[in-house]
Amino acid sequence: DLNKQLLQVAEDRLNAGDIPELEMYLVQVELARSEGARIDIDRAY
C-alpha cells in the first residue's frame, strides 16, 4: 500500500516535471519487490 501511494506521488511529480522518469521506475521496482515478498510470506503462512 505504501509503495502504491509512493508510486502515485511519483507519477504526479513526473507529470508536473519535478522528477526524472527513472524515479518512477525505481518505485515500480520496489512495488514489484514488495509483491514478491508478499507471495513468499503467504506461502509460509
All heavy atoms as atom14 arrays in JSON, in Angstrom:
{
  "sequence": "DLNKQLLQVAEDRLNAGDIPELEMYLVQVELARSEGARIDIDRAY",
  "atom14_mask": [
    [1, 1, 1, 1, 1, 1, 1, 1, 0, 0, 0, 0, 0, 0],
    [1, 1, 1, 1, 1, 1, 1, 1, 0, 0, 0, 0, 0, 0],
    [1, 1, 1, 1, 1, 1, 1, 1, 0, 0, 0, 0, 0, 0],
    [1, 1, 1, 1, 1, 1, 1, 1, 1, 0, 0, 0, 0, 0],
    [1, 1, 1, 1, 1, 1, 1, 1, 1, 0, 0, 0, 0, 0],
    [1, 1, 1, 1, 1, 1, 1, 1, 0, 0, 0, 0, 0, 0],
    [1, 1, 1, 1, 1, 1, 1, 1, 0, 0, 0, 0, 0, 0],
    [1, 1, 1, 1, 1, 1, 1, 1, 1, 0, 0, 0, 0, 0],
    [1, 1, 1, 1, 1, 1, 1, 0, 0, 0, 0, 0, 0, 0],
    [1, 1, 1, 1, 1, 0, 0, 0, 0, 0, 0, 0, 0, 0],
    [1, 1, 1, 1, 1, 1, 1, 1, 1, 0, 0, 0, 0, 0],
    [1, 1, 1, 1, 1, 1, 1, 1, 0, 0, 0, 0, 0, 0],
    [1, 1, 1, 1, 1, 1, 1, 1, 1, 1, 1, 0, 0, 0],
    [1, 1, 1, 1, 1, 1, 1, 1, 0, 0, 0, 0, 0, 0],
    [1, 1, 1, 1, 1, 1, 1, 1, 0, 0, 0, 0, 0, 0],
    [1, 1, 1, 1, 1, 0, 0, 0, 0, 0, 0, 0, 0, 0],
    [1, 1, 1, 1, 0, 0, 0, 0, 0, 0, 0, 0, 0, 0],
    [1, 1, 1, 1, 1, 1, 1, 1, 0, 0, 0, 0, 0, 0],
    [1, 1, 1, 1, 1, 1, 1, 1, 0, 0, 0, 0, 0, 0],
    [1, 1, 1, 1, 1, 1, 1, 0, 0, 0, 0, 0, 0, 0],
    [1, 1, 1, 1, 1, 1, 1, 1, 1, 0, 0, 0, 0, 0],
    [1, 1, 1, 1, 1, 1, 1, 1, 0, 0, 0, 0, 0, 0],
    [1, 1, 1, 1, 1, 1, 1, 1, 1, 0, 0, 0, 0, 0],
    [1, 1, 1, 1, 1, 1, 1, 1, 0, 0, 0, 0, 0, 0],
    [1, 1, 1, 1, 1, 1, 1, 1, 1, 1, 1, 1, 0, 0],
    [1, 1, 1, 1, 1, 1, 1, 1, 0, 0, 0, 0, 0, 0],
    [1, 1, 1, 1, 1, 1, 1, 0, 0, 0, 0, 0, 0, 0],
    [1, 1, 1, 1, 1, 1, 1, 1, 1, 0, 0, 0, 0, 0],
    [1, 1, 1, 1, 1, 1, 1, 0, 0, 0, 0, 0, 0, 0],
    [1, 1, 1, 1, 1, 1, 1, 1, 1, 0, 0, 0, 0, 0],
    [1, 1, 1, 1, 1, 1, 1, 1, 0, 0, 0, 0, 0, 0],
    [1, 1, 1, 1, 1, 0, 0, 0, 0, 0, 0, 0, 0, 0],
    [1, 1, 1, 1, 1, 1, 1, 1, 1, 1, 1, 0, 0, 0],
    [1, 1, 1, 1, 1, 1, 0, 0, 0, 0, 0, 0, 0, 0],
    [1, 1, 1, 1, 1, 1, 1, 1, 1, 0, 0, 0, 0, 0],
    [1, 1, 1, 1, 0, 0, 0, 0, 0, 0, 0, 0, 0, 0],
    [1, 1, 1, 1, 1, 0, 0, 0, 0, 0, 0, 0, 0, 0],
    [1, 1, 1, 1, 1, 1, 1, 1, 1, 1, 1, 0, 0, 0],
    [1, 1, 1, 1, 1, 1, 1, 1, 0, 0, 0, 0, 0, 0],
    [1, 1, 1, 1, 1, 1, 1, 1, 0, 0, 0, 0, 0, 0],
    [1, 1, 1, 1, 1, 1, 1, 1, 0, 0, 0, 0, 0, 0],
    [1, 1, 1, 1, 1, 1, 1, 1, 0, 0, 0, 0, 0, 0],
    [1, 1, 1, 1, 1, 1, 1, 1, 1, 1, 1, 0, 0, 0],
    [1, 1, 1, 1, 1, 0, 0, 0, 0, 0, 0, 0, 0, 0],
    [1, 1, 1, 1, 1, 1, 1, 1, 1, 1, 1, 1, 0, 0]
  ],
  "atom14_positions": [
    [[0.82, -1.21, 0.0], [0.0, 0.0, 0.0], [0.86, 1.26, 0.0], [0.58, 2.22, -0.75], [-0.92, 0.0, 1.22], [-2.02, -1.05, 1.11], [-2.28, -1.5, -0.02], [-2.59, -1.42, 2.15], [0.0, 0.0, 0.0], [0.0, 0.0, 0.0], [0.0, 0.0, 0.0], [0.0, 0.0, 0.0], [0.0, 0.0, 0.0], [0.0, 0.0, 0.0]],
    [[1.9, 1.28, 0.83], [2.77, 2.47, 0.88], [3.5, 2.67, -0.44], [3.68, 3.8, -0.91], [3.76, 2.34, 2.03], [3.2, 2.57, 3.44], [4.3, 2.46, 4.47], [2.51, 3.92, 3.54], [0.0, 0.0, 0.0], [0.0, 0.0, 0.0], [0.0, 0.0, 0.0], [0.0, 0.0, 0.0], [0.0, 0.0, 0.0], [0.0, 0.0, 0.0]],
    [[3.94, 1.57, -1.06], [4.61, 1.71, -2.35], [3.66, 2.18, -3.44], [4.05, 2.93, -4.36], [5.25, 0.37, -2.75], [6.57, 0.12, -2.04], [7.38, 1.02, -1.91], [6.79, -1.1, -1.58], [0.0, 0.0, 0.0], [0.0, 0.0, 0.0], [0.0, 0.0, 0.0], [0.0, 0.0, 0.0], [0.0, 0.0, 0.0], [0.0, 0.0, 0.0]],
    [[2.39, 1.74, -3.36], [1.4, 2.24, -4.32], [1.16, 3.74, -4.12], [1.05, 4.5, -5.1], [0.09, 1.47, -4.16], [0.14, 0.05, -4.7], [-1.2, -0.65, -4.54], [-1.17, -2.05, -5.13], [-2.47, -2.76, -4.95], [0.0, 0.0, 0.0], [0.0, 0.0, 0.0], [0.0, 0.0, 0.0], [0.0, 0.0, 0.0], [0.0, 0.0, 0.0]],
    [[1.09, 4.16, -2.87], [0.92, 5.59, -2.6], [2.14, 6.39, -3.07], [2.0, 7.48, -3.66], [0.7, 5.81, -1.1], [-0.6, 5.23, -0.57], [-0.7, 5.33, 0.93], [0.07, 6.03, 1.58], [-1.67, 4.63, 1.5], [0.0, 0.0, 0.0], [0.0, 0.0, 0.0], [0.0, 0.0, 0.0], [0.0, 0.0, 0.0], [0.0, 0.0, 0.0]],
    [[3.33, 5.81, -2.82], [4.56, 6.48, -3.27], [4.6, 6.55, -4.79], [5.04, 7.56, -5.36], [5.77, 5.73, -2.72], [7.14, 6.34, -3.05], [7.25, 7.76, -2.49], [8.26, 5.46, -2.51], [0.0, 0.0, 0.0], [0.0, 0.0, 0.0], [0.0, 0.0, 0.0], [0.0, 0.0, 0.0], [0.0, 0.0, 0.0], [0.0, 0.0, 0.0]],
    [[4.15, 5.49, -5.45], [4.13, 5.5, -6.91], [3.19, 6.57, -7.44], [3.5, 7.25, -8.43], [3.71, 4.11, -7.42], [3.61, 3.96, -8.94], [4.96, 4.23, -9.6], [3.1, 2.56, -9.31], [0.0, 0.0, 0.0], [0.0, 0.0, 0.0], [0.0, 0.0, 0.0], [0.0, 0.0, 0.0], [0.0, 0.0, 0.0], [0.0, 0.0, 0.0]],
    [[2.05, 6.76, -6.77], [1.12, 7.79, -7.21], [1.73, 9.19, -7.06], [1.59, 10.05, -7.94], [-0.17, 7.7, -6.38], [-1.26, 8.64, -6.84], [-1.7, 8.37, -8.27], [-2.08, 7.26, -8.61], [-1.64, 9.4, -9.12], [0.0, 0.0, 0.0], [0.0, 0.0, 0.0], [0.0, 0.0, 0.0], [0.0, 0.0, 0.0], [0.0, 0.0, 0.0]],
    [[2.44, 9.39, -5.92], [3.11, 10.68, -5.72], [4.18, 10.88, -6.79], [4.33, 11.98, -7.36], [3.73, 10.74, -4.31], [4.58, 12.0, -4.15], [2.64, 10.7, -3.25], [0.0, 0.0, 0.0], [0.0, 0.0, 0.0], [0.0, 0.0, 0.0], [0.0, 0.0, 0.0], [0.0, 0.0, 0.0], [0.0, 0.0, 0.0], [0.0, 0.0, 0.0]],
    [[4.94, 9.81, -7.08], [5.99, 9.92, -8.11], [5.39, 10.23, -9.48], [5.94, 11.04, -10.24], [6.79, 8.62, -8.15], [0.0, 0.0, 0.0], [0.0, 0.0, 0.0], [0.0, 0.0, 0.0], [0.0, 0.0, 0.0], [0.0, 0.0, 0.0], [0.0, 0.0, 0.0], [0.0, 0.0, 0.0], [0.0, 0.0, 0.0], [0.0, 0.0, 0.0]],
    [[4.27, 9.58, -9.8], [3.63, 9.87, -11.1], [3.14, 11.31, -11.17], [3.28, 11.97, -12.21], [2.47, 8.9, -11.31], [2.92, 7.46, -11.57], [1.73, 6.51, -11.67], [0.61, 6.93, -11.31], [1.93, 5.35, -12.09], [0.0, 0.0, 0.0], [0.0, 0.0, 0.0], [0.0, 0.0, 0.0], [0.0, 0.0, 0.0], [0.0, 0.0, 0.0]],
    [[2.57, 11.8, -10.07], [2.12, 13.19, -10.06], [3.28, 14.15, -10.24], [3.19, 15.15, -10.99], [1.4, 13.49, -8.74], [0.08, 12.74, -8.63], [-0.42, 12.27, -9.67], [-0.45, 12.6, -7.5], [0.0, 0.0, 0.0], [0.0, 0.0, 0.0], [0.0, 0.0, 0.0], [0.0, 0.0, 0.0], [0.0, 0.0, 0.0], [0.0, 0.0, 0.0]],
    [[4.39, 13.87, -9.57], [5.55, 14.76, -9.69], [6.19, 14.64, -11.07], [6.73, 15.62, -11.61], [6.57, 14.42, -8.61], [6.09, 14.75, -7.19], [7.22, 14.66, -6.19], [8.26, 15.62, -6.49], [9.48, 15.61, -5.95], [9.79, 14.65, -5.1], [10.37, 16.52, -6.28], [0.0, 0.0, 0.0], [0.0, 0.0, 0.0], [0.0, 0.0, 0.0]],
    [[6.13, 13.42, -11.67], [6.65, 13.25, -13.03], [5.82, 14.04, -14.02], [6.37, 14.71, -14.91], [6.66, 11.76, -13.39], [7.13, 11.42, -14.81], [8.59, 11.82, -15.01], [6.94, 9.94, -15.1], [0.0, 0.0, 0.0], [0.0, 0.0, 0.0], [0.0, 0.0, 0.0], [0.0, 0.0, 0.0], [0.0, 0.0, 0.0], [0.0, 0.0, 0.0]],
    [[4.52, 13.98, -13.86], [3.64, 14.73, -14.75], [3.84, 16.23, -14.6], [3.66, 17.0, -15.56], [2.17, 14.38, -14.47], [1.85, 12.94, -14.83], [2.5, 12.35, -15.7], [0.85, 12.37, -14.17], [0.0, 0.0, 0.0], [0.0, 0.0, 0.0], [0.0, 0.0, 0.0], [0.0, 0.0, 0.0], [0.0, 0.0, 0.0], [0.0, 0.0, 0.0]],
    [[4.22, 16.61, -13.38], [4.47, 18.05, -13.15], [5.87, 18.45, -13.57], [6.21, 19.65, -13.53], [4.26, 18.38, -11.66], [0.0, 0.0, 0.0], [0.0, 0.0, 0.0], [0.0, 0.0, 0.0], [0.0, 0.0, 0.0], [0.0, 0.0, 0.0], [0.0, 0.0, 0.0], [0.0, 0.0, 0.0], [0.0, 0.0, 0.0], [0.0, 0.0, 0.0]],
    [[6.68, 17.48, -13.99], [8.04, 17.79, -14.45], [9.02, 17.99, -13.33], [10.1, 18.54, -13.57], [0.0, 0.0, 0.0], [0.0, 0.0, 0.0], [0.0, 0.0, 0.0], [0.0, 0.0, 0.0], [0.0, 0.0, 0.0], [0.0, 0.0, 0.0], [0.0, 0.0, 0.0], [0.0, 0.0, 0.0], [0.0, 0.0, 0.0], [0.0, 0.0, 0.0]],
    [[8.7, 17.53, -12.11], [9.59, 17.74, -10.96], [10.68, 16.68, -10.84], [11.71, 16.93, -10.2], [8.78, 17.75, -9.66], [7.82, 18.94, -9.6], [8.07, 19.93, -10.31], [6.83, 18.86, -8.84], [0.0, 0.0, 0.0], [0.0, 0.0, 0.0], [0.0, 0.0, 0.0], [0.0, 0.0, 0.0], [0.0, 0.0, 0.0], [0.0, 0.0, 0.0]],
    [[10.45, 15.49, -11.41], [11.42, 14.4, -11.24], [11.65, 13.73, -12.59], [10.8, 13.8, -13.49], [10.91, 13.34, -10.23], [9.58, 12.74, -10.72], [10.76, 13.93, -8.83], [9.1, 11.55, -9.9], [0.0, 0.0, 0.0], [0.0, 0.0, 0.0], [0.0, 0.0, 0.0], [0.0, 0.0, 0.0], [0.0, 0.0, 0.0], [0.0, 0.0, 0.0]],
    [[12.78, 13.05, -12.73], [13.01, 12.28, -13.97], [12.18, 10.99, -13.95], [11.73, 10.53, -12.9], [14.51, 12.0, -13.93], [14.85, 12.0, -12.48], [13.97, 13.05, -11.85], [0.0, 0.0, 0.0], [0.0, 0.0, 0.0], [0.0, 0.0, 0.0], [0.0, 0.0, 0.0], [0.0, 0.0, 0.0], [0.0, 0.0, 0.0], [0.0, 0.0, 0.0]],
    [[12.04, 10.41, -15.11], [11.25, 9.18, -15.23], [11.87, 8.02, -14.47], [11.18, 7.09, -14.03], [11.1, 8.84, -16.71], [10.06, 7.78, -16.99], [9.81, 7.61, -18.48], [10.52, 8.27, -19.28], [8.93, 6.82, -18.85], [0.0, 0.0, 0.0], [0.0, 0.0, 0.0], [0.0, 0.0, 0.0], [0.0, 0.0, 0.0], [0.0, 0.0, 0.0]],
    [[13.19, 8.06, -14.28], [13.88, 6.98, -13.57], [13.34, 6.79, -12.16], [13.24, 5.67, -11.67], [15.38, 7.28, -13.52], [16.24, 6.28, -12.73], [16.15, 4.89, -13.35], [17.69, 6.76, -12.67], [0.0, 0.0, 0.0], [0.0, 0.0, 0.0], [0.0, 0.0, 0.0], [0.0, 0.0, 0.0], [0.0, 0.0, 0.0], [0.0, 0.0, 0.0]],
    [[12.98, 7.88, -11.49], [12.47, 7.77, -10.12], [11.18, 6.96, -10.07], [10.97, 6.16, -9.15], [12.26, 9.16, -9.52], [13.54, 9.89, -9.2], [13.32, 11.06, -8.27], [12.18, 11.19, -7.74], [14.26, 11.85, -8.05], [0.0, 0.0, 0.0], [0.0, 0.0, 0.0], [0.0, 0.0, 0.0], [0.0, 0.0, 0.0], [0.0, 0.0, 0.0]],
    [[10.33, 7.16, -11.05], [9.09, 6.39, -11.09], [9.38, 4.91, -11.3], [8.76, 4.04, -10.69], [8.17, 6.91, -12.19], [6.79, 6.23, -12.2], [5.79, 6.74, -13.61], [6.69, 5.98, -14.95], [0.0, 0.0, 0.0], [0.0, 0.0, 0.0], [0.0, 0.0, 0.0], [0.0, 0.0, 0.0], [0.0, 0.0, 0.0], [0.0, 0.0, 0.0]],
    [[10.39, 4.61, -12.15], [10.74, 3.22, -12.39], [11.29, 2.56, -11.11], [11.03, 1.39, -10.84], [11.79, 3.12, -13.5], [11.25, 3.52, -14.86], [12.09, 4.04, -15.86], [9.89, 3.37, -15.15], [11.6, 4.39, -17.1], [9.4, 3.73, -16.4], [10.24, 4.24, -17.36], [9.75, 4.6, -18.59], [0.0, 0.0, 0.0], [0.0, 0.0, 0.0]],
    [[12.06, 3.32, -10.34], [12.59, 2.8, -9.08], [11.45, 2.44, -8.12], [11.5, 1.41, -7.44], [13.52, 3.82, -8.43], [14.85, 4.07, -9.13], [15.62, 5.18, -8.42], [15.68, 2.79, -9.17], [0.0, 0.0, 0.0], [0.0, 0.0, 0.0], [0.0, 0.0, 0.0], [0.0, 0.0, 0.0], [0.0, 0.0, 0.0], [0.0, 0.0, 0.0]],
    [[10.42, 3.26, -8.08], [9.28, 2.96, -7.22], [8.53, 1.74, -7.73], [8.07, 0.89, -6.94], [8.33, 4.17, -7.13], [7.12, 3.84, -6.25], [9.07, 5.38, -6.57], [0.0, 0.0, 0.0], [0.0, 0.0, 0.0], [0.0, 0.0, 0.0], [0.0, 0.0, 0.0], [0.0, 0.0, 0.0], [0.0, 0.0, 0.0], [0.0, 0.0, 0.0]],
    [[8.41, 1.59, -9.03], [7.76, 0.41, -9.6], [8.51, -0.87, -9.23], [7.9, -1.91, -8.95], [7.66, 0.57, -11.12], [6.65, 1.62, -11.56], [6.64, 1.81, -13.06], [7.58, 1.41, -13.76], [5.58, 2.43, -13.58], [0.0, 0.0, 0.0], [0.0, 0.0, 0.0], [0.0, 0.0, 0.0], [0.0, 0.0, 0.0], [0.0, 0.0, 0.0]],
    [[9.85, -0.78, -9.24], [10.65, -1.95, -8.84], [10.38, -2.3, -7.37], [10.24, -3.48, -7.01], [12.15, -1.67, -9.06], [13.0, -2.76, -8.42], [12.45, -1.56, -10.55], [0.0, 0.0, 0.0], [0.0, 0.0, 0.0], [0.0, 0.0, 0.0], [0.0, 0.0, 0.0], [0.0, 0.0, 0.0], [0.0, 0.0, 0.0], [0.0, 0.0, 0.0]],
    [[10.31, -1.28, -6.52], [10.03, -1.53, -5.11], [8.65, -2.13, -4.92], [8.45, -3.01, -4.07], [10.14, -0.22, -4.32], [11.55, 0.23, -4.07], [12.34, -0.82, -3.31], [11.9, -1.25, -2.21], [13.4, -1.23, -3.8], [0.0, 0.0, 0.0], [0.0, 0.0, 0.0], [0.0, 0.0, 0.0], [0.0, 0.0, 0.0], [0.0, 0.0, 0.0]],
    [[7.69, -1.69, -5.71], [6.35, -2.24, -5.63], [6.35, -3.71, -6.04], [5.72, -4.56, -5.38], [5.4, -1.43, -6.52], [3.94, -1.93, -6.56], [3.32, -1.93, -5.16], [3.12, -1.07, -7.52], [0.0, 0.0, 0.0], [0.0, 0.0, 0.0], [0.0, 0.0, 0.0], [0.0, 0.0, 0.0], [0.0, 0.0, 0.0], [0.0, 0.0, 0.0]],
    [[7.06, -4.03, -7.11], [7.15, -5.43, -7.55], [7.86, -6.29, -6.5], [7.48, -7.43, -6.24], [7.87, -5.51, -8.9], [0.0, 0.0, 0.0], [0.0, 0.0, 0.0], [0.0, 0.0, 0.0], [0.0, 0.0, 0.0], [0.0, 0.0, 0.0], [0.0, 0.0, 0.0], [0.0, 0.0, 0.0], [0.0, 0.0, 0.0], [0.0, 0.0, 0.0]],
    [[8.91, -5.71, -5.89], [9.62, -6.46, -4.85], [8.72, -6.75, -3.65], [8.74, -7.85, -3.1], [10.84, -5.67, -4.39], [11.76, -6.42, -3.46], [12.86, -5.5, -2.94], [12.29, -4.43, -2.15], [11.93, -4.55, -0.86], [12.07, -5.72, -0.25], [11.43, -3.53, -0.21], [0.0, 0.0, 0.0], [0.0, 0.0, 0.0], [0.0, 0.0, 0.0]],
    [[7.92, -5.78, -3.26], [7.01, -6.0, -2.12], [5.92, -7.01, -2.47], [5.49, -7.79, -1.61], [6.39, -4.66, -1.68], [5.66, -4.07, -2.74], [0.0, 0.0, 0.0], [0.0, 0.0, 0.0], [0.0, 0.0, 0.0], [0.0, 0.0, 0.0], [0.0, 0.0, 0.0], [0.0, 0.0, 0.0], [0.0, 0.0, 0.0], [0.0, 0.0, 0.0]],
    [[5.5, -7.03, -3.73], [4.53, -8.03, -4.16], [5.14, -9.43, -4.1], [4.48, -10.4, -3.66], [4.07, -7.74, -5.59], [3.15, -6.53, -5.73], [1.71, -6.86, -5.37], [1.45, -8.0, -4.91], [0.86, -5.99, -5.53], [0.0, 0.0, 0.0], [0.0, 0.0, 0.0], [0.0, 0.0, 0.0], [0.0, 0.0, 0.0], [0.0, 0.0, 0.0]],
    [[6.39, -9.57, -4.53], [7.05, -10.86, -4.45], [7.25, -11.33, -3.02], [7.07, -12.52, -2.7], [0.0, 0.0, 0.0], [0.0, 0.0, 0.0], [0.0, 0.0, 0.0], [0.0, 0.0, 0.0], [0.0, 0.0, 0.0], [0.0, 0.0, 0.0], [0.0, 0.0, 0.0], [0.0, 0.0, 0.0], [0.0, 0.0, 0.0], [0.0, 0.0, 0.0]],
    [[7.6, -10.39, -2.14], [7.76, -10.74, -0.73], [6.43, -11.21, -0.14], [6.39, -12.15, 0.67], [8.29, -9.54, 0.06], [0.0, 0.0, 0.0], [0.0, 0.0, 0.0], [0.0, 0.0, 0.0], [0.0, 0.0, 0.0], [0.0, 0.0, 0.0], [0.0, 0.0, 0.0], [0.0, 0.0, 0.0], [0.0, 0.0, 0.0], [0.0, 0.0, 0.0]],
    [[5.34, -10.57, -0.56], [4.03, -10.95, -0.06], [3.68, -12.37, -0.47], [3.13, -13.15, 0.33], [2.98, -9.96, -0.59], [1.62, -10.04, 0.08], [0.69, -11.04, -0.57], [0.57, -10.81, -1.99], [0.01, -11.66, -2.83], [-0.44, -12.84, -2.38], [-0.08, -11.39, -4.12], [0.0, 0.0, 0.0], [0.0, 0.0, 0.0], [0.0, 0.0, 0.0]],
    [[4.05, -12.76, -1.68], [3.77, -14.13, -2.15], [4.54, -15.14, -1.32], [4.01, -16.18, -0.91], [4.12, -14.25, -3.64], [3.18, -13.36, -4.49], [4.04, -15.7, -4.1], [3.55, -13.3, -5.96], [0.0, 0.0, 0.0], [0.0, 0.0, 0.0], [0.0, 0.0, 0.0], [0.0, 0.0, 0.0], [0.0, 0.0, 0.0], [0.0, 0.0, 0.0]],
    [[5.83, -14.86, -1.05], [6.63, -15.78, -0.24], [6.07, -15.92, 1.18], [6.0, -17.03, 1.74], [8.08, -15.3, -0.17], [8.79, -15.43, -1.51], [8.35, -16.26, -2.33], [9.79, -14.71, -1.73], [0.0, 0.0, 0.0], [0.0, 0.0, 0.0], [0.0, 0.0, 0.0], [0.0, 0.0, 0.0], [0.0, 0.0, 0.0], [0.0, 0.0, 0.0]],
    [[5.68, -14.81, 1.77], [5.15, -14.85, 3.13], [3.81, -15.57, 3.16], [3.5, -16.3, 4.11], [5.02, -13.42, 3.69], [6.41, -12.77, 3.79], [4.35, -13.43, 5.06], [6.38, -11.3, 4.17], [0.0, 0.0, 0.0], [0.0, 0.0, 0.0], [0.0, 0.0, 0.0], [0.0, 0.0, 0.0], [0.0, 0.0, 0.0], [0.0, 0.0, 0.0]],
    [[3.02, -15.38, 2.12], [1.73, -16.06, 2.05], [1.92, -17.57, 2.01], [1.19, -18.32, 2.66], [0.98, -15.58, 0.79], [-0.46, -16.07, 0.79], [-1.04, -16.23, 1.89], [-1.01, -16.3, -0.31], [0.0, 0.0, 0.0], [0.0, 0.0, 0.0], [0.0, 0.0, 0.0], [0.0, 0.0, 0.0], [0.0, 0.0, 0.0], [0.0, 0.0, 0.0]],
    [[2.93, -18.02, 1.26], [3.22, -19.45, 1.21], [3.67, -19.97, 2.58], [3.25, -21.05, 3.03], [4.31, -19.72, 0.17], [4.65, -21.2, 0.03], [5.58, -21.46, -1.14], [6.83, -20.73, -1.02], [7.17, -19.69, -1.78], [6.34, -19.26, -2.73], [8.32, -19.07, -1.62], [0.0, 0.0, 0.0], [0.0, 0.0, 0.0], [0.0, 0.0, 0.0]],
    [[4.49, -19.19, 3.27], [4.93, -19.6, 4.6], [3.76, -19.65, 5.58], [3.68, -20.56, 6.42], [5.99, -18.62, 5.12], [0.0, 0.0, 0.0], [0.0, 0.0, 0.0], [0.0, 0.0, 0.0], [0.0, 0.0, 0.0], [0.0, 0.0, 0.0], [0.0, 0.0, 0.0], [0.0, 0.0, 0.0], [0.0, 0.0, 0.0], [0.0, 0.0, 0.0]],
    [[2.84, -18.71, 5.45], [1.67, -18.69, 6.33], [0.82, -19.95, 6.13], [0.36, -20.57, 7.09], [0.83, -17.44, 6.06], [-0.49, -17.42, 6.78], [-0.54, -17.41, 8.17], [-1.69, -17.41, 6.08], [-1.75, -17.39, 8.84], [-2.9, -17.4, 6.74], [-2.93, -17.38, 8.12], [-4.13, -17.38, 8.77], [0.0, 0.0, 0.0], [0.0, 0.0, 0.0]]
  ]
}
